[in-house]
Amino acid sequence: MTEMAGAYARALGRPVVYADVPLERWREEVLSRAGLPAHVEEHIVTMCRLHRENRYDRATGDIERVTGVPAQTVEEFVAARRDQYLGPGPADRLG
């Protein structure tokens, strides 16, 4: 996840760091407050656990094979949506 934070940092042009929060603590303090149905919360926790175990640490050509378009890197995806991550700039807030 440190590498993922680096991809975000490069795309956003600002520091982004990864903080390793124990899964159960995150579930209790953050996820449980989202008001999701129990089965959805359990699915998200399972996906987090699988990511932590590096079960998704691989690349395939499936996206391109299904859509005909090559998959983007995380950095490319975030950079293309930079405003959604950073919000309006100072000039935009002045009205």
PDB file of N, CA and C in Angstrom:
ATOM      1  N   MET A   1       0.810  -1.192   0.000  1.00  0.00           N
ATOM      2  CA  MET A   1       0.000   0.000   0.000  1.00  0.00           C
ATOM      3  C   MET A   1       0.857   1.262   0.000  1.00  0.00           C
ATOM      4  N   THR A   2       2.088   1.136   0.431  1.00  0.00           N
ATOM      5  CA  THR A   2       3.004   2.279   0.366  1.00  0.00           C
ATOM      6  C   THR A   2       3.215   2.684  -1.088  1.00  0.00           C
ATOM      7  N   GLU A   3       3.334   1.693  -1.980  1.00  0.00           N
ATOM      8  CA  GLU A   3       3.472   1.994  -3.409  1.00  0.00           C
ATOM      9  C   GLU A   3       2.215   2.664  -3.953  1.00  0.00           C
ATOM     10  N   MET A   4       1.059   2.246  -3.480  1.00  0.00           N
ATOM     11  CA  MET A   4      -0.203   2.847  -3.907  1.00  0.00           C
ATOM     12  C   MET A   4      -0.256   4.310  -3.463  1.00  0.00           C
ATOM     13  N   ALA A   5       0.158   4.590  -2.241  1.00  0.00           N
ATOM     14  CA  ALA A   5       0.200   5.967  -1.755  1.00  0.00           C
ATOM     15  C   ALA A   5       1.145   6.791  -2.622  1.00  0.00           C
ATOM     16  N   GLY A   6       2.256   6.200  -3.049  1.00  0.00           N
ATOM     17  CA  GLY A   6       3.191   6.897  -3.931  1.00  0.00           C
ATOM     18  C   GLY A   6       2.560   7.240  -5.269  1.00  0.00           C
ATOM     19  N   ALA A   7       1.747   6.334  -5.804  1.00  0.00           N
ATOM     20  CA  ALA A   7       1.058   6.594  -7.074  1.00  0.00           C
ATOM     21  C   ALA A   7       0.082   7.759  -6.915  1.00  0.00           C
ATOM     22  N   TYR A   8      -0.642   7.778  -5.809  1.00  0.00           N
ATOM     23  CA  TYR A   8      -1.552   8.896  -5.539  1.00  0.00           C
ATOM     24  C   TYR A   8      -0.770  10.193  -5.401  1.00  0.00           C
ATOM     25  N   ALA A   9       0.337  10.159  -4.672  1.00  0.00           N
ATOM     26  CA  ALA A   9       1.152  11.367  -4.450  1.00  0.00           C
ATOM     27  C   ALA A   9       1.653  11.936  -5.774  1.00  0.00           C
ATOM     28  N   ARG A  10       2.150  11.083  -6.644  1.00  0.00           N
ATOM     29  CA  ARG A  10       2.643  11.556  -7.947  1.00  0.00           C
ATOM     30  C   ARG A  10       1.501  12.146  -8.773  1.00  0.00           C
ATOM     31  N   ALA A  11       0.353  11.485  -8.775  1.00  0.00           N
ATOM     32  CA  ALA A  11      -0.779  11.950  -9.573  1.00  0.00           C
ATOM     33  C   ALA A  11      -1.359  13.260  -9.047  1.00  0.00           C
ATOM     34  N   LEU A  12      -1.322  13.446  -7.733  1.00  0.00           N
ATOM     35  CA  LEU A  12      -1.922  14.626  -7.133  1.00  0.00           C
ATOM     36  C   LEU A  12      -0.932  15.751  -6.890  1.00  0.00           C
ATOM     37  N   GLY A  13       0.362  15.435  -7.028  1.00  0.00           N
ATOM     38  CA  GLY A  13       1.377  16.452  -6.817  1.00  0.00           C
ATOM     39  C   GLY A  13       1.456  16.928  -5.378  1.00  0.00           C
ATOM     40  N   ARG A  14       1.187  16.038  -4.451  1.00  0.00           N
ATOM     41  CA  ARG A  14       1.251  16.377  -3.027  1.00  0.00           C
ATOM     42  C   ARG A  14       1.558  15.111  -2.229  1.00  0.00           C
ATOM     43  N   PRO A  15       2.038  15.257  -1.012  1.00  0.00           N
ATOM     44  CA  PRO A  15       2.364  14.069  -0.224  1.00  0.00           C
ATOM     45  C   PRO A  15       1.113  13.250   0.126  1.00  0.00           C
ATOM     46  N   VAL A  16       1.236  11.950  -0.009  1.00  0.00           N
ATOM     47  CA  VAL A  16       0.204  11.011   0.429  1.00  0.00           C
ATOM     48  C   VAL A  16       0.953   9.868   1.092  1.00  0.00           C
ATOM     49  N   VAL A  17       0.588   9.533   2.317  1.00  0.00           N
ATOM     50  CA  VAL A  17       1.263   8.444   3.023  1.00  0.00           C
ATOM     51  C   VAL A  17       0.253   7.379   3.410  1.00  0.00           C
ATOM     52  N   TYR A  18       0.742   6.173   3.508  1.00  0.00           N
ATOM     53  CA  TYR A  18      -0.080   5.034   3.925  1.00  0.00           C
ATOM     54  C   TYR A  18       0.094   4.832   5.419  1.00  0.00           C
ATOM     55  N   ALA A  19      -1.008   4.712   6.119  1.00  0.00           N
ATOM     56  CA  ALA A  19      -0.986   4.410   7.548  1.00  0.00           C
ATOM     57  C   ALA A  19      -1.618   3.043   7.739  1.00  0.00           C
ATOM     58  N   ASP A  20      -0.874   2.124   8.298  1.00  0.00           N
ATOM     59  CA  ASP A  20      -1.357   0.761   8.504  1.00  0.00           C
ATOM     60  C   ASP A  20      -2.221   0.712   9.767  1.00  0.00           C
ATOM     61  N   VAL A  21      -3.522   0.770   9.578  1.00  0.00           N
ATOM     62  CA  VAL A  21      -4.468   0.710  10.693  1.00  0.00           C
ATOM     63  C   VAL A  21      -4.964  -0.728  10.786  1.00  0.00           C
ATOM     64  N   PRO A  22      -4.930  -1.322  11.968  1.00  0.00           N
ATOM     65  CA  PRO A  22      -5.438  -2.694  12.109  1.00  0.00           C
ATOM     66  C   PRO A  22      -6.875  -2.800  11.586  1.00  0.00           C
ATOM     67  N   LEU A  23      -7.151  -3.859  10.847  1.00  0.00           N
ATOM     68  CA  LEU A  23      -8.427  -4.027  10.176  1.00  0.00           C
ATOM     69  C   LEU A  23      -9.612  -3.924  11.129  1.00  0.00           C
ATOM     70  N   GLU A  24      -9.556  -4.596  12.259  1.00  0.00           N
ATOM     71  CA  GLU A  24     -10.695  -4.561  13.178  1.00  0.00           C
ATOM     72  C   GLU A  24     -10.909  -3.162  13.753  1.00  0.00           C
ATOM     73  N   ARG A  25      -9.842  -2.445  14.018  1.00  0.00           N
ATOM     74  CA  ARG A  25      -9.975  -1.067  14.513  1.00  0.00           C
ATOM     75  C   ARG A  25     -10.648  -0.199  13.463  1.00  0.00           C
ATOM     76  N   TRP A  26     -10.200  -0.321  12.196  1.00  0.00           N
ATOM     77  CA  TRP A  26     -10.798   0.442  11.102  1.00  0.00           C
ATOM     78  C   TRP A  26     -12.272   0.085  10.947  1.00  0.00           C
ATOM     79  N   ARG A  27     -12.572  -1.190  11.055  1.00  0.00           N
ATOM     80  CA  ARG A  27     -13.963  -1.633  10.919  1.00  0.00           C
ATOM     81  C   ARG A  27     -14.839  -1.011  12.000  1.00  0.00           C
ATOM     82  N   GLU A  28     -14.369  -1.048  13.227  1.00  0.00           N
ATOM     83  CA  GLU A  28     -15.147  -0.524  14.349  1.00  0.00           C
ATOM     84  C   GLU A  28     -15.261   1.001  14.321  1.00  0.00           C
ATOM     85  N   GLU A  29     -14.165   1.696  14.011  1.00  0.00           N
ATOM     86  CA  GLU A  29     -14.130   3.152  14.125  1.00  0.00           C
ATOM     87  C   GLU A  29     -14.576   3.883  12.861  1.00  0.00           C
ATOM     88  N   VAL A  30     -14.507   3.222  11.716  1.00  0.00           N
ATOM     89  CA  VAL A  30     -14.829   3.907  10.461  1.00  0.00           C
ATOM     90  C   VAL A  30     -15.963   3.207   9.712  1.00  0.00           C
ATOM     91  N   LEU A  31     -15.724   1.973   9.328  1.00  0.00           N
ATOM     92  CA  LEU A  31     -16.671   1.285   8.453  1.00  0.00           C
ATOM     93  C   LEU A  31     -18.035   1.106   9.098  1.00  0.00           C
ATOM     94  N   SER A  32     -18.073   0.748  10.367  1.00  0.00           N
ATOM     95  CA  SER A  32     -19.362   0.490  11.024  1.00  0.00           C
ATOM     96  C   SER A  32     -20.233   1.741  11.090  1.00  0.00           C
ATOM     97  N   ARG A  33     -19.629   2.912  10.993  1.00  0.00           N
ATOM     98  CA  ARG A  33     -20.381   4.175  11.042  1.00  0.00           C
ATOM     99  C   ARG A  33     -20.980   4.559   9.686  1.00  0.00           C
ATOM    100  N   ALA A  34     -20.645   3.808   8.646  1.00  0.00           N
ATOM    101  CA  ALA A  34     -21.129   4.138   7.304  1.00  0.00           C
ATOM    102  C   ALA A  34     -22.594   3.741   7.105  1.00  0.00           C
ATOM    103  N   GLY A  35     -23.128   2.924   8.001  1.00  0.00           N
ATOM    104  CA  GLY A  35     -24.530   2.531   7.907  1.00  0.00           C
ATOM    105  C   GLY A  35     -24.835   1.564   6.784  1.00  0.00           C
ATOM    106  N   LEU A  36     -23.851   0.773   6.405  1.00  0.00           N
ATOM    107  CA  LEU A  36     -24.042  -0.195   5.330  1.00  0.00           C
ATOM    108  C   LEU A  36     -24.742  -1.448   5.844  1.00  0.00           C
ATOM    109  N   PRO A  37     -25.431  -2.163   4.968  1.00  0.00           N
ATOM    110  CA  PRO A  37     -25.988  -3.455   5.376  1.00  0.00           C
ATOM    111  C   PRO A  37     -24.855  -4.386   5.813  1.00  0.00           C
ATOM    112  N   ALA A  38     -25.148  -5.277   6.742  1.00  0.00           N
ATOM    113  CA  ALA A  38     -24.125  -6.166   7.307  1.00  0.00           C
ATOM    114  C   ALA A  38     -23.392  -6.959   6.232  1.00  0.00           C
ATOM    115  N   HIS A  39     -24.107  -7.454   5.227  1.00  0.00           N
ATOM    116  CA  HIS A  39     -23.448  -8.263   4.204  1.00  0.00           C
ATOM    117  C   HIS A  39     -22.479  -7.432   3.360  1.00  0.00           C
ATOM    118  N   VAL A  40     -22.789  -6.162   3.150  1.00  0.00           N
ATOM    119  CA  VAL A  40     -21.897  -5.285   2.388  1.00  0.00           C
ATOM    120  C   VAL A  40     -20.653  -4.986   3.221  1.00  0.00           C
ATOM    121  N   GLU A  41     -20.854  -4.681   4.500  1.00  0.00           N
ATOM    122  CA  GLU A  41     -19.720  -4.436   5.388  1.00  0.00           C
ATOM    123  C   GLU A  41     -18.802  -5.658   5.436  1.00  0.00           C
ATOM    124  N   GLU A  42     -19.373  -6.839   5.535  1.00  0.00           N
ATOM    125  CA  GLU A  42     -18.565  -8.060   5.588  1.00  0.00           C
ATOM    126  C   GLU A  42     -17.800  -8.262   4.283  1.00  0.00           C
ATOM    127  N   HIS A  43     -18.419  -7.950   3.160  1.00  0.00           N
ATOM    128  CA  HIS A  43     -17.747  -8.062   1.861  1.00  0.00           C
ATOM    129  C   HIS A  43     -16.551  -7.112   1.801  1.00  0.00           C
ATOM    130  N   ILE A  44     -16.730  -5.877   2.243  1.00  0.00           N
ATOM    131  CA  ILE A  44     -15.630  -4.903   2.223  1.00  0.00           C
ATOM    132  C   ILE A  44     -14.494  -5.373   3.117  1.00  0.00           C
ATOM    133  N   VAL A  45     -14.812  -5.887   4.291  1.00  0.00           N
ATOM    134  CA  VAL A  45     -13.776  -6.393   5.206  1.00  0.00           C
ATOM    135  C   VAL A  45     -13.033  -7.563   4.565  1.00  0.00           C
ATOM    136  N   THR A  46     -13.762  -8.435   3.897  1.00  0.00           N
ATOM    137  CA  THR A  46     -13.122  -9.571   3.223  1.00  0.00           C
ATOM    138  C   THR A  46     -12.183  -9.077   2.124  1.00  0.00           C
ATOM    139  N   MET A  47     -12.614  -8.109   1.334  1.00  0.00           N
ATOM    140  CA  MET A  47     -11.763  -7.559   0.274  1.00  0.00           C
ATOM    141  C   MET A  47     -10.510  -6.914   0.875  1.00  0.00           C
ATOM    142  N   CYS A  48     -10.672  -6.216   1.972  1.00  0.00           N
ATOM    143  CA  CYS A  48      -9.508  -5.605   2.646  1.00  0.00           C
ATOM    144  C   CYS A  48      -8.528  -6.680   3.107  1.00  0.00           C
ATOM    145  N   ARG A  49      -9.065  -7.734   3.686  1.00  0.00           N
ATOM    146  CA  ARG A  49      -8.216  -8.828   4.167  1.00  0.00           C
ATOM    147  C   ARG A  49      -7.452  -9.468   3.008  1.00  0.00           C
ATOM    148  N   LEU A  50      -8.124  -9.687   1.888  1.00  0.00           N
ATOM    149  CA  LEU A  50      -7.472 -10.282   0.723  1.00  0.00           C
ATOM    150  C   LEU A  50      -6.395  -9.358   0.155  1.00  0.00           C
ATOM    151  N   HIS A  51      -6.652  -8.053   0.147  1.00  0.00           N
ATOM    152  CA  HIS A  51      -5.620  -7.103  -0.282  1.00  0.00           C
ATOM    153  C   HIS A  51      -4.415  -7.170   0.644  1.00  0.00           C
ATOM    154  N   ARG A  52      -4.662  -7.218   1.940  1.00  0.00           N
ATOM    155  CA  ARG A  52      -3.562  -7.278   2.907  1.00  0.00           C
ATOM    156  C   ARG A  52      -2.708  -8.531   2.699  1.00  0.00           C
ATOM    157  N   GLU A  53      -3.337  -9.606   2.263  1.00  0.00           N
ATOM    158  CA  GLU A  53      -2.631 -10.867   2.006  1.00  0.00           C
ATOM    159  C   GLU A  53      -2.023 -10.902   0.602  1.00  0.00           C
ATOM    160  N   ASN A  54      -2.073  -9.780  -0.121  1.00  0.00           N
ATOM    161  CA  ASN A  54      -1.555  -9.665  -1.491  1.00  0.00           C
ATOM    162  C   ASN A  54      -2.203 -10.647  -2.462  1.00  0.00           C
ATOM    163  N   ARG A  55      -3.454 -10.945  -2.237  1.00  0.00           N
ATOM    164  CA  ARG A  55      -4.162 -11.869  -3.109  1.00  0.00           C
ATOM    165  C   ARG A  55      -4.537 -11.227  -4.439  1.00  0.00           C
ATOM    166  N   TYR A  56      -4.451  -9.898  -4.515  1.00  0.00           N
ATOM    167  CA  TYR A  56      -4.765  -9.190  -5.754  1.00  0.00           C
ATOM    168  C   TYR A  56      -3.517  -8.559  -6.356  1.00  0.00           C
ATOM    169  N   ASP A  57      -2.359  -8.991  -5.931  1.00  0.00           N
ATOM    170  CA  ASP A  57      -1.095  -8.406  -6.367  1.00  0.00           C
ATOM    171  C   ASP A  57      -0.643  -9.039  -7.684  1.00  0.00           C
ATOM    172  N   ARG A  58      -1.395  -8.737  -8.738  1.00  0.00           N
ATOM    173  CA  ARG A  58      -1.069  -9.264 -10.066  1.00  0.00           C
ATOM    174  C   ARG A  58      -1.787  -8.435 -11.116  1.00  0.00           C
ATOM    175  N   ALA A  59      -1.330  -8.563 -12.323  1.00  0.00           N
ATOM    176  CA  ALA A  59      -1.957  -7.860 -13.439  1.00  0.00           C
ATOM    177  C   ALA A  59      -2.356  -8.878 -14.499  1.00  0.00           C
ATOM    178  N   THR A  60      -3.461  -8.603 -15.156  1.00  0.00           N
ATOM    179  CA  THR A  60      -3.920  -9.453 -16.252  1.00  0.00           C
ATOM    180  C   THR A  60      -4.308  -8.564 -17.419  1.00  0.00           C
ATOM    181  N   GLY A  61      -4.604  -9.161 -18.513  1.00  0.00           N
ATOM    182  CA  GLY A  61      -5.083  -8.419 -19.673  1.00  0.00           C
ATOM    183  C   GLY A  61      -6.593  -8.443 -19.783  1.00  0.00           C
ATOM    184  N   ASP A  62      -7.270  -8.819 -18.699  1.00  0.00           N
ATOM    185  CA  ASP A  62      -8.726  -8.987 -18.740  1.00  0.00           C
ATOM    186  C   ASP A  62      -9.476  -7.710 -19.108  1.00  0.00           C
ATOM    187  N   ILE A  63      -9.067  -6.573 -18.579  1.00  0.00           N
ATOM    188  CA  ILE A  63      -9.778  -5.324 -18.869  1.00  0.00           C
ATOM    189  C   ILE A  63      -9.736  -5.029 -20.365  1.00  0.00           C
ATOM    190  N   GLU A  64      -8.559  -5.136 -20.931  1.00  0.00           N
ATOM    191  CA  GLU A  64      -8.427  -4.870 -22.367  1.00  0.00           C
ATOM    192  C   GLU A  64      -9.181  -5.912 -23.191  1.00  0.00           C
ATOM    193  N   ARG A  65      -9.136  -7.152 -22.763  1.00  0.00           N
ATOM    194  CA  ARG A  65      -9.830  -8.203 -23.500  1.00  0.00           C
ATOM    195  C   ARG A  65     -11.348  -7.981 -23.466  1.00  0.00           C
ATOM    196  N   VAL A  66     -11.888  -7.538 -22.353  1.00  0.00           N
ATOM    197  CA  VAL A  66     -13.330  -7.340 -22.226  1.00  0.00           C
ATOM    198  C   VAL A  66     -13.780  -6.019 -22.839  1.00  0.00           C
ATOM    199  N   THR A  67     -13.017  -4.941 -22.619  1.00  0.00           N
ATOM    200  CA  THR A  67     -13.460  -3.610 -23.062  1.00  0.00           C
ATOM    201  C   THR A  67     -12.825  -3.148 -24.361  1.00  0.00           C
ATOM    202  N   GLY A  68     -11.690  -3.766 -24.717  1.00  0.00           N
ATOM    203  CA  GLY A  68     -10.967  -3.320 -25.905  1.00  0.00           C
ATOM    204  C   GLY A  68     -10.050  -2.140 -25.627  1.00  0.00           C
ATOM    205  N   VAL A  69      -9.995  -1.712 -24.374  1.00  0.00           N
ATOM    206  CA  VAL A  69      -9.169  -0.572 -23.969  1.00  0.00           C
ATOM    207  C   VAL A  69      -8.218  -1.036 -22.869  1.00  0.00           C
ATOM    208  N   PRO A  70      -6.922  -0.713 -22.984  1.00  0.00           N
ATOM    209  CA  PRO A  70      -5.989  -1.131 -21.931  1.00  0.00           C
ATOM    210  C   PRO A  70      -6.353  -0.518 -20.578  1.00  0.00           C
ATOM    211  N   ALA A  71      -6.117  -1.260 -19.527  1.00  0.00           N
ATOM    212  CA  ALA A  71      -6.354  -0.754 -18.167  1.00  0.00           C
ATOM    213  C   ALA A  71      -5.390   0.386 -17.864  1.00  0.00           C
ATOM    214  N   GLN A  72      -5.837   1.307 -17.036  1.00  0.00           N
ATOM    215  CA  GLN A  72      -4.980   2.398 -16.586  1.00  0.00           C
ATOM    216  C   GLN A  72      -4.252   1.971 -15.322  1.00  0.00           C
ATOM    217  N   THR A  73      -3.118   2.588 -15.086  1.00  0.00           N
ATOM    218  CA  THR A  73      -2.462   2.419 -13.796  1.00  0.00           C
ATOM    219  C   THR A  73      -3.245   3.248 -12.779  1.00  0.00           C
ATOM    220  N   VAL A  74      -3.006   2.997 -11.504  1.00  0.00           N
ATOM    221  CA  VAL A  74      -3.648   3.806 -10.461  1.00  0.00           C
ATOM    222  C   VAL A  74      -3.263   5.269 -10.642  1.00  0.00           C
ATOM    223  N   GLU A  75      -1.998   5.522 -10.917  1.00  0.00           N
ATOM    224  CA  GLU A  75      -1.545   6.898 -11.102  1.00  0.00           C
ATOM    225  C   GLU A  75      -2.278   7.581 -12.260  1.00  0.00           C
ATOM    226  N   GLU A  76      -2.457   6.886 -13.376  1.00  0.00           N
ATOM    227  CA  GLU A  76      -3.175   7.455 -14.521  1.00  0.00           C
ATOM    228  C   GLU A  76      -4.638   7.731 -14.169  1.00  0.00           C
ATOM    229  N   PHE A  77      -5.263   6.779 -13.471  1.00  0.00           N
ATOM    230  CA  PHE A  77      -6.667   6.932 -13.089  1.00  0.00           C
ATOM    231  C   PHE A  77      -6.860   8.142 -12.181  1.00  0.00           C
ATOM    232  N   VAL A  78      -6.023   8.280 -11.158  1.00  0.00           N
ATOM    233  CA  VAL A  78      -6.149   9.389 -10.211  1.00  0.00           C
ATOM    234  C   VAL A  78      -5.830  10.714 -10.900  1.00  0.00           C
ATOM    235  N   ALA A  79      -4.768  10.746 -11.716  1.00  0.00           N
ATOM    236  CA  ALA A  79      -4.397  11.980 -12.407  1.00  0.00           C
ATOM    237  C   ALA A  79      -5.524  12.470 -13.307  1.00  0.00           C
ATOM    238  N   ALA A  80      -6.243  11.558 -13.960  1.00  0.00           N
ATOM    239  CA  ALA A  80      -7.342  11.934 -14.842  1.00  0.00           C
ATOM    240  C   ALA A  80      -8.541  12.484 -14.072  1.00  0.00           C
ATOM    241  N   ARG A  81      -8.570  12.242 -12.768  1.00  0.00           N
ATOM    242  CA  ARG A  81      -9.678  12.688 -11.920  1.00  0.00           C
ATOM    243  C   ARG A  81      -9.180  13.531 -10.754  1.00  0.00           C
ATOM    244  N   ARG A  82      -8.086  14.216 -10.989  1.00  0.00           N
ATOM    245  CA  ARG A  82      -7.389  14.983  -9.942  1.00  0.00           C
ATOM    246  C   ARG A  82      -8.332  15.903  -9.163  1.00  0.00           C
ATOM    247  N   ASP A  83      -9.211  16.610  -9.864  1.00  0.00           N
ATOM    248  CA  ASP A  83     -10.126  17.541  -9.210  1.00  0.00           C
ATOM    249  C   ASP A  83     -11.085  16.830  -8.248  1.00  0.00           C
ATOM    250  N   GLN A  84     -11.450  15.598  -8.552  1.00  0.00           N
ATOM    251  CA  GLN A  84     -12.342  14.859  -7.666  1.00  0.00           C
ATOM    252  C   GLN A  84     -11.652  14.523  -6.350  1.00  0.00           C
ATOM    253  N   TYR A  85     -10.349  14.378  -6.388  1.00  0.00           N
ATOM    254  CA  TYR A  85      -9.584  14.050  -5.182  1.00  0.00           C
ATOM    255  C   TYR A  85      -9.190  15.305  -4.400  1.00  0.00           C
ATOM    256  N   LEU A  86      -8.887  16.379  -5.099  1.00  0.00           N
ATOM    257  CA  LEU A  86      -8.390  17.589  -4.447  1.00  0.00           C
ATOM    258  C   LEU A  86      -9.478  18.625  -4.200  1.00  0.00           C
ATOM    259  N   GLY A  87     -10.578  18.546  -4.931  1.00  0.00           N
ATOM    260  CA  GLY A  87     -11.636  19.536  -4.786  1.00  0.00           C
ATOM    261  C   GLY A  87     -11.271  20.815  -5.533  1.00  0.00           C
ATOM    262  N   PRO A  88     -12.095  21.831  -5.389  1.00  0.00           N
ATOM    263  CA  PRO A  88     -11.841  23.088  -6.097  1.00  0.00           C
ATOM    264  C   PRO A  88     -10.587  23.774  -5.575  1.00  0.00           C
ATOM    265  N   GLY A  89      -9.910  24.470  -6.458  1.00  0.00           N
ATOM    266  CA  GLY A  89      -8.717  25.210  -6.075  1.00  0.00           C
ATOM    267  C   GLY A  89      -9.096  26.513  -5.379  1.00  0.00           C
ATOM    268  N   PRO A  90      -8.109  27.235  -4.825  1.00  0.00           N
ATOM    269  CA  PRO A  90      -8.390  28.482  -4.111  1.00  0.00           C
ATOM    270  C   PRO A  90      -9.152  29.497  -4.953  1.00  0.00           C
ATOM    271  N   ALA A  91      -8.822  29.613  -6.243  1.00  0.00           N
ATOM    272  CA  ALA A  91      -9.511  30.578  -7.113  1.00  0.00           C
ATOM    273  C   ALA A  91     -10.983  30.206  -7.277  1.00  0.00           C
ATOM    274  N   ASP A  92     -11.271  28.916  -7.293  1.00  0.00           N
ATOM    275  CA  ASP A  92     -12.658  28.453  -7.453  1.00  0.00           C
ATOM    276  C   ASP A  92     -13.496  28.763  -6.217  1.00  0.00           C
ATOM    277  N   ARG A  93     -12.862  28.836  -5.051  1.00  0.00           N
ATOM    278  CA  ARG A  93     -13.584  29.073  -3.811  1.00  0.00           C
ATOM    279  C   ARG A  93     -13.934  30.542  -3.600  1.00  0.00           C
ATOM    280  N   LEU A  94     -13.291  31.433  -4.358  1.00  0.00           N
ATOM    281  CA  LEU A  94     -13.533  32.861  -4.176  1.00  0.00           C
ATOM    282  C   LEU A  94     -14.875  33.296  -4.740  1.00  0.00           C
ATOM    283  N   GLY A  95     -15.395  32.513  -5.675  1.00  0.00           N
ATOM    284  CA  GLY A  95     -16.717  32.808  -6.233  1.00  0.00           C
ATOM    285  C   GLY A  95     -16.635  33.811  -7.270  1.00  0.00           C
TER     286      GLY A  95
END
